[in-house]
C-alpha atoms as a PDB file:
ATOM      1  CA  MET A   1       8.800 -10.395 -10.406  1.00  0.00           C
ATOM      2  CA  ARG A   2       5.487  -8.863  -9.370  1.00  0.00           C
ATOM      3  CA  SER A   3       3.007  -8.681 -12.242  1.00  0.00           C
ATOM      4  CA  ILE A   4      -0.022  -6.443 -11.717  1.00  0.00           C
ATOM      5  CA  SER A   5      -2.775  -6.134 -14.317  1.00  0.00           C
ATOM      6  CA  TYR A   6      -5.406  -3.413 -14.603  1.00  0.00           C
ATOM      7  CA  THR A   7      -8.463  -3.015 -16.810  1.00  0.00           C
ATOM      8  CA  VAL A   8      -8.812   0.320 -18.590  1.00  0.00           C
ATOM      9  CA  THR A   9     -11.948   2.221 -17.596  1.00  0.00           C
ATOM     10  CA  ASP A  10     -14.206   4.242 -19.891  1.00  0.00           C
ATOM     11  CA  TYR A  11     -12.678   7.483 -18.634  1.00  0.00           C
ATOM     12  CA  PHE A  12      -9.288   6.634 -20.159  1.00  0.00           C
ATOM     13  CA  ASP A  13     -10.651   5.394 -23.503  1.00  0.00           C
ATOM     14  CA  GLY A  14      -8.581   6.958 -26.265  1.00  0.00           C
ATOM     15  CA  LYS A  15      -5.932   8.285 -23.899  1.00  0.00           C
ATOM     16  CA  LYS A  16      -2.243   7.372 -23.581  1.00  0.00           C
ATOM     17  CA  ILE A  17      -0.977   4.629 -21.276  1.00  0.00           C
ATOM     18  CA  PHE A  18       0.975   7.352 -19.477  1.00  0.00           C
ATOM     19  CA  ASN A  19      -2.259   9.103 -18.464  1.00  0.00           C
ATOM     20  CA  PHE A  20      -3.731   5.839 -17.181  1.00  0.00           C
ATOM     21  CA  LEU A  21      -0.659   4.874 -15.171  1.00  0.00           C
ATOM     22  CA  ARG A  22      -0.204   8.291 -13.601  1.00  0.00           C
ATOM     23  CA  GLY A  23      -3.868   9.259 -13.250  1.00  0.00           C
ATOM     24  CA  HIS A  24      -5.553   5.992 -12.302  1.00  0.00           C
ATOM     25  CA  ILE A  25      -2.833   3.644 -11.060  1.00  0.00           C
ATOM     26  CA  LYS A  26      -0.913   6.583  -9.567  1.00  0.00           C
ATOM     27  CA  ILE A  27       2.394   4.968 -10.363  1.00  0.00           C
ATOM     28  CA  SER A  28       5.369   7.020  -9.216  1.00  0.00           C
ATOM     29  CA  VAL A  29       7.491   8.858 -11.780  1.00  0.00           C
ATOM     30  CA  ARG A  30      10.531   6.973 -10.532  1.00  0.00           C
ATOM     31  CA  LEU A  31       8.975   3.544 -11.064  1.00  0.00           C
ATOM     32  CA  LEU A  32       7.580   4.556 -14.427  1.00  0.00           C
ATOM     33  CA  ARG A  33      11.048   5.552 -15.617  1.00  0.00           C
ATOM     34  CA  SER A  34      12.442   2.287 -14.294  1.00  0.00           C
ATOM     35  CA  LEU A  35       9.827   0.129 -16.040  1.00  0.00           C
ATOM     36  CA  LYS A  36      10.669   1.744 -19.369  1.00  0.00           C
ATOM     37  CA  THR A  37      14.110   0.126 -19.118  1.00  0.00           C
ATOM     38  CA  VAL A  38      12.759  -3.321 -18.211  1.00  0.00           C
ATOM     39  CA  PRO A  39      11.918  -5.751 -21.029  1.00  0.00           C
ATOM     40  CA  ASP A  40       8.099  -5.978 -21.044  1.00  0.00           C
ATOM     41  CA  GLY A  41       8.001  -3.742 -17.973  1.00  0.00           C
ATOM     42  CA  ILE A  42       4.788  -2.262 -19.370  1.00  0.00           C
ATOM     43  CA  MET A  43       2.456  -4.413 -21.470  1.00  0.00           C
ATOM     44  CA  LEU A  44      -0.824  -3.774 -23.273  1.00  0.00           C
ATOM     45  CA  ASN A  45      -3.061  -6.784 -23.875  1.00  0.00           C
ATOM     46  CA  GLY A  46      -0.087  -9.130 -23.499  1.00  0.00           C
ATOM     47  CA  THR A  47       2.413  -7.318 -25.722  1.00  0.00           C
ATOM     48  CA  HIS A  48       5.156  -4.798 -25.022  1.00  0.00           C
ATOM     49  CA  ALA A  49       3.867  -1.232 -24.814  1.00  0.00           C
ATOM     50  CA  ARG A  50       5.140   2.313 -24.643  1.00  0.00           C
ATOM     51  CA  THR A  51       3.733   5.025 -22.413  1.00  0.00           C
ATOM     52  CA  ILE A  52       2.642   6.987 -25.508  1.00  0.00           C
ATOM     53  CA  ASP A  53       0.509   4.123 -26.854  1.00  0.00           C
ATOM     54  CA  ILE A  54      -3.248   4.721 -26.997  1.00  0.00           C
ATOM     55  CA  ILE A  55      -5.545   2.553 -24.876  1.00  0.00           C
ATOM     56  CA  HIS A  56      -9.253   1.784 -25.011  1.00  0.00           C
ATOM     57  CA  SER A  57     -11.910   0.800 -22.532  1.00  0.00           C
ATOM     58  CA  GLY A  58     -11.551  -2.860 -21.552  1.00  0.00           C
ATOM     59  CA  ASP A  59      -7.865  -3.111 -22.472  1.00  0.00           C
ATOM     60  CA  THR A  60      -5.496  -4.776 -20.006  1.00  0.00           C
ATOM     61  CA  VAL A  61      -2.398  -2.904 -18.895  1.00  0.00           C
ATOM     62  CA  THR A  62       0.191  -4.988 -17.036  1.00  0.00           C
ATOM     63  CA  LEU A  63       3.140  -3.837 -14.972  1.00  0.00           C
ATOM     64  CA  ASN A  64       6.028  -6.277 -14.472  1.00  0.00           C
ATOM     65  CA  ILE A  65       8.008  -5.020 -11.494  1.00  0.00           C
ATOM     66  CA  PRO A  66      11.375  -6.806 -11.122  1.00  0.00           C
ATOM     67  CA  ASP A  67      12.402  -8.298  -7.791  1.00  0.00           C
ATOM     68  CA  ASP A  68      15.061  -6.479  -5.830  1.00  0.00           C
ATOM     69  CA  GLU A  69      18.494  -7.704  -6.806  1.00  0.00           C
ATOM     70  CA  LYS A  70      19.732  -7.644  -3.225  1.00  0.00           C
ATOM     71  CA  THR A  71      18.442  -7.029   0.267  1.00  0.00           C
ATOM     72  CA  SER A  72      19.066  -3.758   2.078  1.00  0.00           C
ATOM     73  CA  VAL A  73      20.602  -5.316   5.216  1.00  0.00           C
ATOM     74  CA  SER A  74      23.975  -6.794   6.142  1.00  0.00           C
ATOM     75  CA  ILE A  75      22.596 -10.217   7.103  1.00  0.00           C
ATOM     76  CA  SER A  76      19.293 -12.054   7.302  1.00  0.00           C
ATOM     77  CA  ILE A  77      18.223 -13.648  10.576  1.00  0.00           C
ATOM     78  CA  ASP A  78      15.750 -16.318  11.615  1.00  0.00           C
ATOM     79  CA  TYR A  79      13.366 -14.482  13.948  1.00  0.00           C
ATOM     80  CA  PRO A  80       9.774 -15.419  14.884  1.00  0.00           C
ATOM     81  CA  LEU A  81       7.776 -12.578  13.339  1.00  0.00           C
ATOM     82  CA  ASP A  82       4.232 -11.893  14.531  1.00  0.00           C
ATOM     83  CA  ILE A  83       2.590 -11.513  11.116  1.00  0.00           C
ATOM     84  CA  VAL A  84      -0.769  -9.739  11.100  1.00  0.00           C
ATOM     85  CA  TYR A  85      -1.313  -9.570   7.332  1.00  0.00           C
ATOM     86  CA  GLU A  86       0.519 -10.736   4.225  1.00  0.00           C
ATOM     87  CA  ASP A  87      -0.050 -10.803   0.480  1.00  0.00           C
ATOM     88  CA  GLU A  88       2.035 -10.259  -2.674  1.00  0.00           C
ATOM     89  CA  ASP A  89       2.438  -6.542  -1.968  1.00  0.00           C
ATOM     90  CA  LEU A  90       2.436  -6.118   1.807  1.00  0.00           C
ATOM     91  CA  LEU A  91       3.820  -7.703   4.949  1.00  0.00           C
ATOM     92  CA  ILE A  92       2.423  -6.258   8.175  1.00  0.00           C
ATOM     93  CA  VAL A  93       3.971  -7.320  11.464  1.00  0.00           C
ATOM     94  CA  ASN A  94       3.454  -6.617  15.136  1.00  0.00           C
ATOM     95  CA  LYS A  95       6.909  -5.439  16.201  1.00  0.00           C
ATOM     96  CA  PRO A  96       8.041  -6.101  19.788  1.00  0.00           C
ATOM     97  CA  GLY A  97       9.324  -3.103  21.698  1.00  0.00           C
ATOM     98  CA  THR A  98      12.708  -4.751  22.195  1.00  0.00           C
ATOM     99  CA  LEU A  99      13.449  -4.756  18.460  1.00  0.00           C
ATOM    100  CA  ALA A 100      14.967  -1.821  16.559  1.00  0.00           C
ATOM    101  CA  MET A 101      13.640  -1.051  13.075  1.00  0.00           C
ATOM    102  CA  HIS A 102      16.752  -0.452  10.983  1.00  0.00           C
ATOM    103  CA  GLU A 103      20.418  -1.298  11.171  1.00  0.00           C
ATOM    104  CA  THR A 104      22.625   1.410  12.697  1.00  0.00           C
ATOM    105  CA  HIS A 105      26.134   1.461  14.146  1.00  0.00           C
ATOM    106  CA  ASN A 106      24.558   0.248  17.409  1.00  0.00           C
ATOM    107  CA  HIS A 107      22.368  -2.407  15.792  1.00  0.00           C
ATOM    108  CA  GLN A 108      23.842  -4.781  13.228  1.00  0.00           C
ATOM    109  CA  GLY A 109      21.976  -7.982  12.469  1.00  0.00           C
ATOM    110  CA  ASP A 110      19.432  -7.633  15.285  1.00  0.00           C
ATOM    111  CA  THR A 111      16.676  -5.481  13.774  1.00  0.00           C
ATOM    112  CA  LEU A 112      13.244  -5.857  12.225  1.00  0.00           C
ATOM    113  CA  ALA A 113      14.872  -5.264   8.836  1.00  0.00           C
ATOM    114  CA  ASN A 114      17.124  -8.296   9.375  1.00  0.00           C
ATOM    115  CA  ALA A 115      14.175 -10.400  10.553  1.00  0.00           C
ATOM    116  CA  VAL A 116      12.002  -9.475   7.564  1.00  0.00           C
ATOM    117  CA  ALA A 117      14.905 -10.225   5.197  1.00  0.00           C
ATOM    118  CA  GLY A 118      15.276 -13.666   6.792  1.00  0.00           C
ATOM    119  CA  TYR A 119      11.561 -14.378   6.551  1.00  0.00           C
ATOM    120  CA  LEU A 120      11.394 -13.429   2.887  1.00  0.00           C
ATOM    121  CA  ALA A 121      14.574 -15.346   2.034  1.00  0.00           C
ATOM    122  CA  ALA A 122      13.077 -18.500   3.573  1.00  0.00           C
ATOM    123  CA  LYS A 123      10.185 -18.107   1.115  1.00  0.00           C
ATOM    124  CA  ASN A 124      12.575 -17.525  -1.805  1.00  0.00           C
ATOM    125  CA  LYS A 125      11.466 -13.919  -2.060  1.00  0.00           C
ATOM    126  CA  SER A 126      13.766 -10.982  -2.616  1.00  0.00           C
ATOM    127  CA  SER A 127      12.767  -7.596  -1.276  1.00  0.00           C
ATOM    128  CA  SER A 128      14.360  -4.542   0.231  1.00  0.00           C
ATOM    129  CA  PHE A 129      13.068  -3.480   3.642  1.00  0.00           C
ATOM    130  CA  ARG A 130      10.512  -0.807   2.792  1.00  0.00           C
ATOM    131  CA  ALA A 131       8.866   0.090   6.085  1.00  0.00           C
ATOM    132  CA  ILE A 132       6.170   2.731   5.594  1.00  0.00           C
ATOM    133  CA  GLY A 133       6.836   4.924   8.594  1.00  0.00           C
ATOM    134  CA  ARG A 134       8.912   3.816  11.541  1.00  0.00           C
ATOM    135  CA  LEU A 135       8.545   2.962  15.200  1.00  0.00           C
ATOM    136  CA  ASP A 136      11.239   3.831  17.728  1.00  0.00           C
ATOM    137  CA  LYS A 137      13.093   1.009  19.380  1.00  0.00           C
ATOM    138  CA  GLY A 138      11.050   0.575  22.525  1.00  0.00           C
ATOM    139  CA  THR A 139       7.769   1.236  20.726  1.00  0.00           C
ATOM    140  CA  SER A 140       5.799  -1.883  19.871  1.00  0.00           C
ATOM    141  CA  GLY A 141       3.050  -2.428  17.361  1.00  0.00           C
ATOM    142  CA  LEU A 142       2.053  -2.542  13.739  1.00  0.00           C
ATOM    143  CA  VAL A 143       4.589  -1.913  10.981  1.00  0.00           C
ATOM    144  CA  VAL A 144       3.714  -1.963   7.270  1.00  0.00           C
ATOM    145  CA  CYS A 145       6.414  -3.345   4.970  1.00  0.00           C
ATOM    146  CA  ALA A 146       5.859  -2.816   1.242  1.00  0.00           C
ATOM    147  CA  LEU A 147       7.155  -5.700  -0.864  1.00  0.00           C
ATOM    148  CA  ASN A 148       7.658  -3.673  -4.047  1.00  0.00           C
ATOM    149  CA  SER A 149       8.324  -0.084  -5.001  1.00  0.00           C
ATOM    150  CA  HIS A 150       4.798   0.516  -6.352  1.00  0.00           C
ATOM    151  CA  ALA A 151       3.176  -0.456  -3.052  1.00  0.00           C
ATOM    152  CA  ALA A 152       5.677   1.673  -1.157  1.00  0.00           C
ATOM    153  CA  ALA A 153       4.992   4.773  -3.240  1.00  0.00           C
ATOM    154  CA  ARG A 154       1.198   4.389  -3.020  1.00  0.00           C
ATOM    155  CA  LEU A 155       1.215   3.935   0.756  1.00  0.00           C
ATOM    156  CA  SER A 156       3.748   6.595   1.721  1.00  0.00           C
ATOM    157  CA  GLY A 157       1.919   9.225   3.776  1.00  0.00           C
ATOM    158  CA  ASN A 158      -1.409   7.407   3.356  1.00  0.00           C
ATOM    159  CA  ILE A 159      -1.596   5.216   6.452  1.00  0.00           C
ATOM    160  CA  SER A 160      -3.609   6.278   9.504  1.00  0.00           C
ATOM    161  CA  LYS A 161      -2.252   5.025  12.817  1.00  0.00           C
ATOM    162  CA  GLU A 162      -3.666   4.880  16.310  1.00  0.00           C
ATOM    163  CA  TYR A 163      -1.373   4.508  19.307  1.00  0.00           C
ATOM    164  CA  LEU A 164      -1.900   3.525  22.912  1.00  0.00           C
ATOM    165  CA  ALA A 165       0.345   5.010  25.594  1.00  0.00           C
ATOM    166  CA  VAL A 166       0.503   4.787  29.383  1.00  0.00           C
ATOM    167  CA  VAL A 167       1.484   8.188  30.740  1.00  0.00           C
ATOM    168  CA  SER A 168       2.500   9.146  34.279  1.00  0.00           C
ATOM    169  CA  GLY A 169      -0.391  11.410  35.161  1.00  0.00           C
ATOM    170  CA  GLU A 170      -4.164  11.441  35.553  1.00  0.00           C
ATOM    171  CA  TYR A 171      -6.190  12.964  32.709  1.00  0.00           C
ATOM    172  CA  SER A 172      -9.922  13.644  32.778  1.00  0.00           C
ATOM    173  CA  GLU A 173     -10.359  14.649  29.134  1.00  0.00           C
ATOM    174  CA  GLY A 174      -8.670  14.560  25.767  1.00  0.00           C
ATOM    175  CA  GLY A 175      -7.077  17.346  23.813  1.00  0.00           C
ATOM    176  CA  THR A 176      -4.465  18.423  21.286  1.00  0.00           C
ATOM    177  CA  ILE A 177      -0.795  19.230  21.766  1.00  0.00           C
ATOM    178  CA  ASP A 178       0.464  21.727  19.175  1.00  0.00           C
ATOM    179  CA  LYS A 179       4.086  22.350  20.060  1.00  0.00           C
ATOM    180  CA  PRO A 180       7.191  22.322  17.822  1.00  0.00           C
ATOM    181  CA  ILE A 181       9.830  19.665  18.412  1.00  0.00           C
ATOM    182  CA  TYR A 182      13.506  20.613  18.317  1.00  0.00           C
ATOM    183  CA  ARG A 183      16.755  18.643  18.183  1.00  0.00           C
ATOM    184  CA  PRO A 184      19.287  20.552  20.346  1.00  0.00           C
ATOM    185  CA  ASP A 185      22.276  18.415  19.378  1.00  0.00           C
ATOM    186  CA  PRO A 186      22.403  16.986  15.823  1.00  0.00           C
ATOM    187  CA  MET A 187      24.695  14.211  17.088  1.00  0.00           C
ATOM    188  CA  LYS A 188      22.121  12.935  19.600  1.00  0.00           C
ATOM    189  CA  THR A 189      18.613  11.511  19.194  1.00  0.00           C
ATOM    190  CA  TYR A 190      17.222  13.508  22.118  1.00  0.00           C
ATOM    191  CA  ARG A 191      14.420  15.953  21.260  1.00  0.00           C
ATOM    192  CA  THR A 192      12.634  18.636  23.202  1.00  0.00           C
ATOM    193  CA  ALA A 193       9.505  20.768  22.856  1.00  0.00           C
ATOM    194  CA  ASP A 194      10.833  24.115  21.678  1.00  0.00           C
ATOM    195  CA  ASP A 195       9.519  26.864  19.401  1.00  0.00           C
ATOM    196  CA  ARG A 196      12.753  26.686  17.384  1.00  0.00           C
ATOM    197  CA  GLY A 197      11.737  23.267  16.082  1.00  0.00           C
ATOM    198  CA  ASP A 198       9.357  21.867  13.471  1.00  0.00           C
ATOM    199  CA  ARG A 199       5.606  22.014  13.982  1.00  0.00           C
ATOM    200  CA  ALA A 200       4.231  18.916  15.682  1.00  0.00           C
ATOM    201  CA  VAL A 201       0.583  18.146  16.459  1.00  0.00           C
ATOM    202  CA  THR A 202      -0.677  15.285  18.632  1.00  0.00           C
ATOM    203  CA  HIS A 203      -4.349  14.491  19.296  1.00  0.00           C
ATOM    204  CA  TYR A 204      -5.272  12.349  22.309  1.00  0.00           C
ATOM    205  CA  SER A 205      -8.242  10.954  24.190  1.00  0.00           C
ATOM    206  CA  VAL A 206      -8.510   9.163  27.521  1.00  0.00           C
ATOM    207  CA  VAL A 207      -9.219   5.433  27.566  1.00  0.00           C
ATOM    208  CA  GLU A 208      -8.878   5.083  31.331  1.00  0.00           C
ATOM    209  CA  SER A 209      -7.177   6.897  34.161  1.00  0.00           C
ATOM    210  CA  GLY A 210      -6.421   6.564  37.839  1.00  0.00           C
ATOM    211  CA  LYS A 211      -3.930   7.502  40.481  1.00  0.00           C
ATOM    212  CA  ASP A 212      -0.741   8.635  38.706  1.00  0.00           C
ATOM    213  CA  TYR A 213      -1.550   7.131  35.303  1.00  0.00           C
ATOM    214  CA  SER A 214      -3.698   7.370  32.191  1.00  0.00           C
ATOM    215  CA  LEU A 215      -4.074   5.081  29.202  1.00  0.00           C
ATOM    216  CA  MET A 216      -4.272   7.375  26.183  1.00  0.00           C
ATOM    217  CA  ARG A 217      -5.448   6.806  22.624  1.00  0.00           C
ATOM    218  CA  ILE A 218      -3.314   8.941  20.315  1.00  0.00           C
ATOM    219  CA  ARG A 219      -3.415  10.078  16.698  1.00  0.00           C
ATOM    220  CA  LEU A 220      -0.595  12.023  15.077  1.00  0.00           C
ATOM    221  CA  GLU A 221      -1.217  14.871  12.676  1.00  0.00           C
ATOM    222  CA  THR A 222       2.517  15.187  12.044  1.00  0.00           C
ATOM    223  CA  GLY A 223       5.240  12.563  12.264  1.00  0.00           C
ATOM    224  CA  ARG A 224       8.212  13.989  14.136  1.00  0.00           C
ATOM    225  CA  THR A 225      10.803  11.734  15.731  1.00  0.00           C
ATOM    226  CA  HIS A 226       9.829  10.860  19.340  1.00  0.00           C
ATOM    227  CA  GLN A 227       6.742  13.068  18.955  1.00  0.00           C
ATOM    228  CA  ILE A 228       4.431  11.316  21.429  1.00  0.00           C
ATOM    229  CA  ARG A 229       7.192  10.859  23.983  1.00  0.00           C
ATOM    230  CA  VAL A 230       8.330  14.477  23.793  1.00  0.00           C
ATOM    231  CA  HIS A 231       4.834  15.949  23.815  1.00  0.00           C
ATOM    232  CA  PHE A 232       3.700  14.127  26.941  1.00  0.00           C
ATOM    233  CA  ARG A 233       6.947  15.004  28.663  1.00  0.00           C
ATOM    234  CA  PHE A 234       6.168  18.626  27.732  1.00  0.00           C
ATOM    235  CA  LEU A 235       2.815  18.268  29.520  1.00  0.00           C
ATOM    236  CA  GLY A 236       4.612  16.948  32.590  1.00  0.00           C
ATOM    237  CA  THR A 237       3.342  13.377  32.190  1.00  0.00           C
ATOM    238  CA  PRO A 238       6.050  11.393  30.362  1.00  0.00           C
ATOM    239  CA  LEU A 239       5.454   7.807  29.328  1.00  0.00           C
ATOM    240  CA  TYR A 240       6.142   5.052  31.823  1.00  0.00           C
ATOM    241  CA  GLY A 241       9.320   3.126  31.058  1.00  0.00           C
ATOM    242  CA  ASP A 242      10.790   5.848  28.844  1.00  0.00           C
ATOM    243  CA  ARG A 243      14.444   5.871  29.874  1.00  0.00           C
ATOM    244  CA  LEU A 244      15.308   8.795  27.599  1.00  0.00           C
ATOM    245  CA  TYR A 245      12.565  11.185  28.679  1.00  0.00           C
ATOM    246  CA  TYR A 246      11.559   9.856  32.110  1.00  0.00           C
ATOM    247  CA  GLU A 247      12.923   6.891  34.048  1.00  0.00           C
ATOM    248  CA  GLU A 248      13.152   3.102  34.077  1.00  0.00           C
ATOM    249  CA  HIS A 249      10.296   1.026  35.424  1.00  0.00           C
ATOM    250  CA  PRO A 250      10.616  -2.495  36.870  1.00  0.00           C
ATOM    251  CA  LEU A 251       7.613  -3.844  34.960  1.00  0.00           C
ATOM    252  CA  ILE A 252       8.445  -2.614  31.469  1.00  0.00           C
ATOM    253  CA  SER A 253      11.813  -2.486  29.706  1.00  0.00           C
ATOM    254  CA  HIS A 254      10.836   0.234  27.235  1.00  0.00           C
ATOM    255  CA  GLN A 255       8.437   3.134  26.819  1.00  0.00           C
ATOM    256  CA  ALA A 256       4.790   2.158  27.221  1.00  0.00           C
ATOM    257  CA  LEU A 257       3.843   3.020  23.658  1.00  0.00           C
ATOM    258  CA  HIS A 258       2.135   0.737  21.154  1.00  0.00           C
ATOM    259  CA  CYS A 259       0.864   1.227  17.600  1.00  0.00           C
ATOM    260  CA  ALA A 260      -2.456  -0.554  18.024  1.00  0.00           C
ATOM    261  CA  LYS A 261      -4.376   0.151  14.808  1.00  0.00           C
ATOM    262  CA  LEU A 262      -3.776   0.848  11.136  1.00  0.00           C
ATOM    263  CA  SER A 263      -6.132   1.894   8.369  1.00  0.00           C
ATOM    264  CA  PHE A 264      -5.251   2.366   4.716  1.00  0.00           C
ATOM    265  CA  THR A 265      -6.324   1.688   1.157  1.00  0.00           C
ATOM    266  CA  HIS A 266      -4.570  -1.299  -0.375  1.00  0.00           C
ATOM    267  CA  PRO A 267      -2.094  -0.035  -2.997  1.00  0.00           C
ATOM    268  CA  VAL A 268      -3.173  -2.549  -5.651  1.00  0.00           C
ATOM    269  CA  THR A 269      -6.726  -3.731  -4.893  1.00  0.00           C
ATOM    270  CA  ASN A 270      -7.945  -0.373  -3.466  1.00  0.00           C
ATOM    271  CA  GLU A 271      -9.674  -2.270  -0.655  1.00  0.00           C
ATOM    272  CA  LYS A 272     -10.037  -0.504   2.672  1.00  0.00           C
ATOM    273  CA  LYS A 273      -7.960  -2.253   5.321  1.00  0.00           C
ATOM    274  CA  GLU A 274      -8.187  -1.907   9.101  1.00  0.00           C
ATOM    275  CA  LEU A 275      -5.831  -3.955  11.258  1.00  0.00           C
ATOM    276  CA  SER A 276      -5.150  -4.110  14.970  1.00  0.00           C
ATOM    277  CA  ALA A 277      -2.680  -5.647  17.405  1.00  0.00           C
ATOM    278  CA  PRO A 278      -3.103  -6.141  21.168  1.00  0.00           C
ATOM    279  CA  MET A 279      -0.824  -4.452  23.662  1.00  0.00           C
ATOM    280  CA  PRO A 280       2.285  -6.483  24.553  1.00  0.00           C
ATOM    281  CA  PRO A 281       2.333  -8.422  27.866  1.00  0.00           C
ATOM    282  CA  GLU A 282       4.748  -5.966  29.516  1.00  0.00           C
ATOM    283  CA  MET A 283       2.413  -3.065  28.862  1.00  0.00           C
ATOM    284  CA  GLU A 284      -0.585  -5.040  30.106  1.00  0.00           C
ATOM    285  CA  ALA A 285       1.331  -5.963  33.282  1.00  0.00           C
ATOM    286  CA  LEU A 286       2.209  -2.303  33.860  1.00  0.00           C
ATOM    287  CA  LEU A 287      -1.430  -1.280  33.468  1.00  0.00           C
ATOM    288  CA  GLU A 288      -2.655  -3.956  35.851  1.00  0.00           C
ATOM    289  CA  SER A 289      -0.152  -2.833  38.475  1.00  0.00           C
ATOM    290  CA  LEU A 290      -1.309   0.770  38.127  1.00  0.00           C
ATOM    291  CA  ARG A 291      -4.948  -0.319  38.360  1.00  0.00           C
ATOM    292  CA  LYS A 292      -4.184  -2.114  41.612  1.00  0.00           C
ATOM    293  CA  ASN A 293      -2.700   1.101  42.999  1.00  0.00           C
ATOM    294  CA  LYS A 294      -5.884   2.881  41.955  1.00  0.00           C
ATOM    295  CA  ARG A 295      -8.040   0.309  43.781  1.00  0.00           C
ATOM    296  CA  LYS A 296      -5.908   0.620  46.903  1.00  0.00           C
ATOM    297  CA  ALA A 297      -6.389   4.376  46.877  1.00  0.00           C
ATOM    298  CA  LEU A 298     -10.189   4.083  46.807  1.00  0.00           C
END
């Protein structure tokens, strides 16, 4: 069980617990309803409380969030996770590009979800796999896993990400791609840039460039499936190694795309967090090869 205690501020003096939980803690309606059914799910100064009870400045309101009764995967696996940050509410890992996020009919027992379940089980922790946002298989980098429903609700839509991508063309300046993304066949994952689709906006700047390549720093305004990959294909410079939207490359087994930075406000402590992860070796090797081609061309 995760117990989280908060001190009532002057603003909520004389108000109901409900107003404090929804207005200050920003607890989700779903979790609030659930805690009402849990013995001592909501406590005031150490005793059971109702959401209609009146609170005063300096009071302590405690939430007791039960552990998940079961994991959300078929099996747990022993996999060496690259953990960037961990506490009672969050587990943030640097996912390799070779690992899928969730179990599907093509991936059973070989995903990040299975690996996280195995890691938590080894620590006698029970938690569903609550990844806040997702990375395609083939995309490496930072993934935030919430360890309870409160953390998940607070973080959803509130994490800023910065990506690095190696694209197959030379850019001299940054810009914005504002082009809808469309799924022609609902039975396939393939997407295309098409006005029939949903609005998608990608902002990019140039980190370095040379003959037939650029390393781009990318921020997404929207979060469409395959957005970065589709948008740079639309510009005529698809990502190196992207077998779905471009072609295979001998130096990298997946698209050259990496979630390099995260920034967010911690869902419980309200601390500002900024985390980073270096590019994987395959992506570094690809870049070095392209740099050598640039030097040869000079």
